[in-house]
Amino acid sequence: MRSAFDKFISWTGLLMAVVLLLAGGLLWWAHTFIGDQVNDQLTMQGITMPEGDALSGLPKADADALKPYAGSQLDTGPEAKAFANHYILVHMNEASATDAAPDGRTYEEVSGEYITMTPEQQATEEGQALAGLRQTLFMGNTLRGLLLYGYAFATIGTIAGIAAIVSFVGAALLLVLFGLGIWHGRKVEKEAKAAVPAAVPHAV
């Protein structure tokens, strides 16, 4: 009975190991596919991370966030996040800052202000400047969004890679346990047979 139970548990473990191997393979494929796609798409943008004077003009916290990538080609998720949040956003906020909004205004705020102008007001120098700022913020938000999407997908790829490794480790552990279970089941089987006394021949 004990031997049969050991074999059942062992074969169940083997089935789970196969499932984990399949899951690990799919997760690793997702990890490599996402990583390649993010790298290719970011590389196509031809962005070089800021360095030198481009960093010295930024607030210290933003410059510190960009320094590890200074001068390198933007082709990874962390670089995309740093460039979006500590370079593009900083310049957007500087361009849209006013006395009433020293930290900058959003595209929606600037666009709303421009839309409420009359055609005559839009045609003035102030209106044209606001239209230019509106366009700048729109383009900045678009690029930031694309870069942050790249960062999000890169993070998903990293998580998939970690999950794949965990799956492979779990499968390896279950395979070891499967081998030990089969070995133990056979050992119990032999011990049970050895414990059965030999049949005594009947007297003639």
Protein backbone atom coordinates (compact mmCIF):
# COMPACT_ATOMS: atom_id res chain seq x y z
CA MET A 1 0.00 0.00 0.00
CA ARG A 2 2.80 2.40 0.97
CA SER A 3 4.69 1.57 -2.22
CA ALA A 4 1.64 2.31 -4.40
CA PHE A 5 1.10 5.63 -2.61
CA ASP A 6 4.74 6.61 -3.14
CA LYS A 7 4.46 5.83 -6.85
CA PHE A 8 1.24 7.84 -7.15
CA ILE A 9 2.82 10.88 -5.50
CA SER A 10 5.96 10.49 -7.61
CA TRP A 11 4.11 10.32 -10.94
CA THR A 12 1.95 13.26 -9.92
CA GLY A 13 5.14 15.19 -9.22
CA LEU A 14 6.49 14.22 -12.64
CA LEU A 15 3.33 15.53 -14.30
CA MET A 16 3.66 18.81 -12.42
CA ALA A 17 7.32 19.02 -13.45
CA VAL A 18 6.31 18.66 -17.12
CA VAL A 19 3.71 21.42 -16.70
CA LEU A 20 6.31 23.71 -15.09
CA LEU A 21 8.79 22.99 -17.88
CA LEU A 22 6.19 23.92 -20.50
CA ALA A 23 5.21 27.05 -18.57
CA GLY A 24 8.86 27.99 -18.11
CA GLY A 25 9.52 27.56 -21.83
CA LEU A 26 6.59 29.80 -22.76
CA LEU A 27 7.56 32.41 -20.18
CA TRP A 28 11.15 32.46 -21.41
CA TRP A 29 9.95 32.85 -24.98
CA ALA A 30 7.81 35.81 -23.85
CA HIS A 31 10.81 37.26 -22.00
CA THR A 32 13.11 37.10 -25.05
CA PHE A 33 10.40 38.22 -27.50
CA ILE A 34 9.43 41.28 -25.45
CA GLY A 35 13.07 42.14 -24.78
CA ASP A 36 13.94 42.01 -28.49
CA GLN A 37 10.89 44.04 -29.49
CA VAL A 38 11.51 46.75 -26.88
CA ASN A 39 15.18 46.97 -27.85
CA ASP A 40 14.40 47.17 -31.58
CA GLN A 41 11.66 49.77 -31.20
CA LEU A 42 13.66 52.00 -28.86
CA THR A 43 16.80 51.73 -31.00
CA MET A 44 14.80 52.86 -34.04
CA GLN A 45 14.08 56.17 -32.28
CA GLY A 46 17.78 57.07 -32.45
CA ILE A 47 17.79 58.79 -29.05
CA THR A 48 21.09 59.36 -27.22
CA MET A 49 20.86 59.83 -23.48
CA PRO A 50 21.82 63.38 -22.38
CA GLU A 51 25.28 64.12 -21.03
CA GLY A 52 27.50 67.06 -20.16
CA ASP A 53 25.77 70.45 -20.46
CA ALA A 54 22.43 68.76 -21.12
CA LEU A 55 22.61 67.30 -17.60
CA SER A 56 24.08 70.31 -15.82
CA GLY A 57 21.03 72.40 -16.68
CA LEU A 58 18.64 69.97 -14.98
CA PRO A 59 17.58 69.85 -11.32
CA LYS A 60 20.01 67.70 -9.30
CA ALA A 61 17.55 64.86 -8.70
CA ASP A 62 16.80 64.57 -12.40
CA ALA A 63 20.46 64.83 -13.41
CA ASP A 64 21.37 62.10 -10.89
CA ALA A 65 18.69 59.82 -12.34
CA LEU A 66 20.13 60.27 -15.86
CA LYS A 67 23.86 60.11 -15.08
CA PRO A 68 24.12 56.27 -15.12
CA TYR A 69 23.00 56.31 -18.77
CA ALA A 70 24.82 59.48 -19.92
CA GLY A 71 25.87 59.32 -23.57
CA SER A 72 24.50 55.82 -24.21
CA GLN A 73 21.92 54.89 -26.81
CA LEU A 74 18.40 54.68 -25.43
CA ASP A 75 17.54 51.00 -25.95
CA THR A 76 16.31 49.63 -22.61
CA GLY A 77 13.21 50.05 -20.48
CA PRO A 78 14.95 51.75 -17.52
CA GLU A 79 16.59 54.25 -19.90
CA ALA A 80 13.22 54.98 -21.50
CA LYS A 81 11.67 55.66 -18.10
CA ALA A 82 14.54 57.91 -17.01
CA PHE A 83 14.48 59.91 -20.26
CA ALA A 84 10.70 60.31 -20.14
CA ASN A 85 10.40 61.32 -16.49
CA HIS A 86 13.66 63.17 -15.87
CA TYR A 87 14.38 64.87 -19.20
CA ILE A 88 11.30 65.31 -21.38
CA LEU A 89 8.98 66.07 -18.45
CA VAL A 90 11.43 68.55 -16.93
CA HIS A 91 11.61 70.53 -20.18
CA MET A 92 7.82 70.38 -20.62
CA ASN A 93 7.33 71.77 -17.13
CA GLU A 94 9.90 74.51 -17.71
CA ALA A 95 8.29 75.54 -21.00
CA SER A 96 4.78 75.68 -19.52
CA ALA A 97 5.61 77.24 -16.14
CA THR A 98 3.95 80.51 -15.13
CA ASP A 99 3.81 82.58 -11.97
CA ALA A 100 0.49 80.91 -11.15
CA ALA A 101 1.84 77.43 -12.00
CA PRO A 102 5.61 77.44 -11.25
CA ASP A 103 5.81 73.65 -11.64
CA GLY A 104 4.36 73.77 -15.14
CA ARG A 105 1.00 73.19 -16.76
CA THR A 106 -0.42 70.10 -18.43
CA TYR A 107 -1.34 69.81 -22.10
CA GLU A 108 -5.03 69.82 -21.16
CA GLU A 109 -4.67 73.09 -19.28
CA VAL A 110 -2.79 74.84 -22.08
CA SER A 111 -5.05 73.42 -24.78
CA GLY A 112 -8.14 74.45 -22.84
CA GLU A 113 -6.79 77.99 -22.50
CA TYR A 114 -6.05 78.17 -26.22
CA ILE A 115 -9.44 76.78 -27.27
CA THR A 116 -11.30 79.38 -25.17
CA MET A 117 -9.58 82.20 -27.08
CA THR A 118 -11.41 83.97 -29.87
CA PRO A 119 -9.94 83.69 -33.37
CA GLU A 120 -8.67 87.24 -33.00
CA GLN A 121 -6.89 86.37 -29.75
CA GLN A 122 -5.42 83.21 -31.30
CA ALA A 123 -3.98 85.30 -34.12
CA THR A 124 -2.07 87.58 -31.73
CA GLU A 125 1.55 87.00 -30.77
CA GLU A 126 0.45 85.72 -27.37
CA GLY A 127 -2.05 83.37 -28.99
CA GLN A 128 0.55 82.02 -31.42
CA ALA A 129 2.99 81.44 -28.57
CA LEU A 130 0.31 79.53 -26.71
CA ALA A 131 -0.43 77.48 -29.84
CA GLY A 132 3.26 76.62 -30.12
CA LEU A 133 3.39 75.63 -26.46
CA ARG A 134 0.27 73.51 -26.97
CA GLN A 135 1.94 71.67 -29.85
CA THR A 136 5.16 71.21 -27.85
CA LEU A 137 3.30 69.69 -24.91
CA PHE A 138 1.30 67.44 -27.22
CA MET A 139 4.46 66.09 -28.84
CA GLY A 140 6.18 65.75 -25.47
CA ASN A 141 3.28 63.80 -24.00
CA THR A 142 3.16 61.55 -27.05
CA LEU A 143 6.85 60.70 -26.85
CA ARG A 144 6.70 60.26 -23.08
CA GLY A 145 3.74 57.91 -23.45
CA LEU A 146 5.53 55.77 -26.05
CA LEU A 147 8.69 55.59 -23.95
CA LEU A 148 6.77 54.68 -20.80
CA TYR A 149 4.87 51.99 -22.72
CA GLY A 150 8.28 50.62 -23.71
CA TYR A 151 9.33 50.66 -20.05
CA ALA A 152 6.12 48.88 -19.02
CA PHE A 153 6.58 46.14 -21.62
CA ALA A 154 10.25 45.77 -20.67
CA THR A 155 9.18 45.30 -17.04
CA ILE A 156 6.66 42.65 -18.07
CA GLY A 157 9.43 40.89 -19.99
CA THR A 158 11.68 40.97 -16.93
CA ILE A 159 8.92 39.51 -14.76
CA ALA A 160 8.31 36.78 -17.35
CA GLY A 161 12.02 35.92 -17.28
CA ILE A 162 12.03 35.67 -13.47
CA ALA A 163 8.88 33.51 -13.57
CA ALA A 164 10.51 31.25 -16.18
CA ILE A 165 13.57 30.70 -13.98
CA VAL A 166 11.34 29.94 -10.98
CA SER A 167 9.38 27.45 -13.11
CA PHE A 168 12.57 25.70 -14.26
CA VAL A 169 13.88 25.49 -10.69
CA GLY A 170 10.53 24.11 -9.50
CA ALA A 171 10.53 21.54 -12.31
CA ALA A 172 14.08 20.45 -11.46
CA LEU A 173 13.14 20.05 -7.79
CA LEU A 174 10.06 17.97 -8.69
CA LEU A 175 12.16 15.75 -10.99
CA VAL A 176 14.57 15.09 -8.12
CA LEU A 177 11.66 14.31 -5.81
CA PHE A 178 10.19 12.04 -8.50
CA GLY A 179 13.43 10.05 -8.64
CA LEU A 180 13.62 9.83 -4.85
CA GLY A 181 9.95 8.76 -4.68
CA ILE A 182 10.43 5.95 -7.21
CA TRP A 183 13.57 4.81 -5.40
CA HIS A 184 11.80 4.85 -2.04
CA GLY A 185 8.78 3.00 -3.45
CA ARG A 186 10.98 0.20 -4.77
CA LYS A 187 12.85 0.04 -1.51
CA VAL A 188 9.60 -0.34 0.44
CA GLU A 189 8.48 -3.00 -2.03
CA LYS A 190 11.64 -5.04 -1.50
CA GLU A 191 11.42 -4.70 2.27
CA ALA A 192 7.79 -5.85 2.18
CA LYS A 193 8.70 -8.92 0.12
CA ALA A 194 11.60 -9.74 2.40
CA ALA A 195 9.31 -9.53 5.43
CA VAL A 196 6.93 -12.21 4.06
CA PRO A 197 8.03 -15.62 5.48
CA ALA A 198 8.78 -18.36 2.96
CA ALA A 199 6.03 -20.92 2.55
CA VAL A 200 6.59 -24.05 4.73
CA PRO A 201 6.31 -27.30 2.69
CA HIS A 202 3.62 -29.76 3.87
CA ALA A 203 4.79 -33.02 5.42
CA VAL A 204 4.32 -36.08 3.26
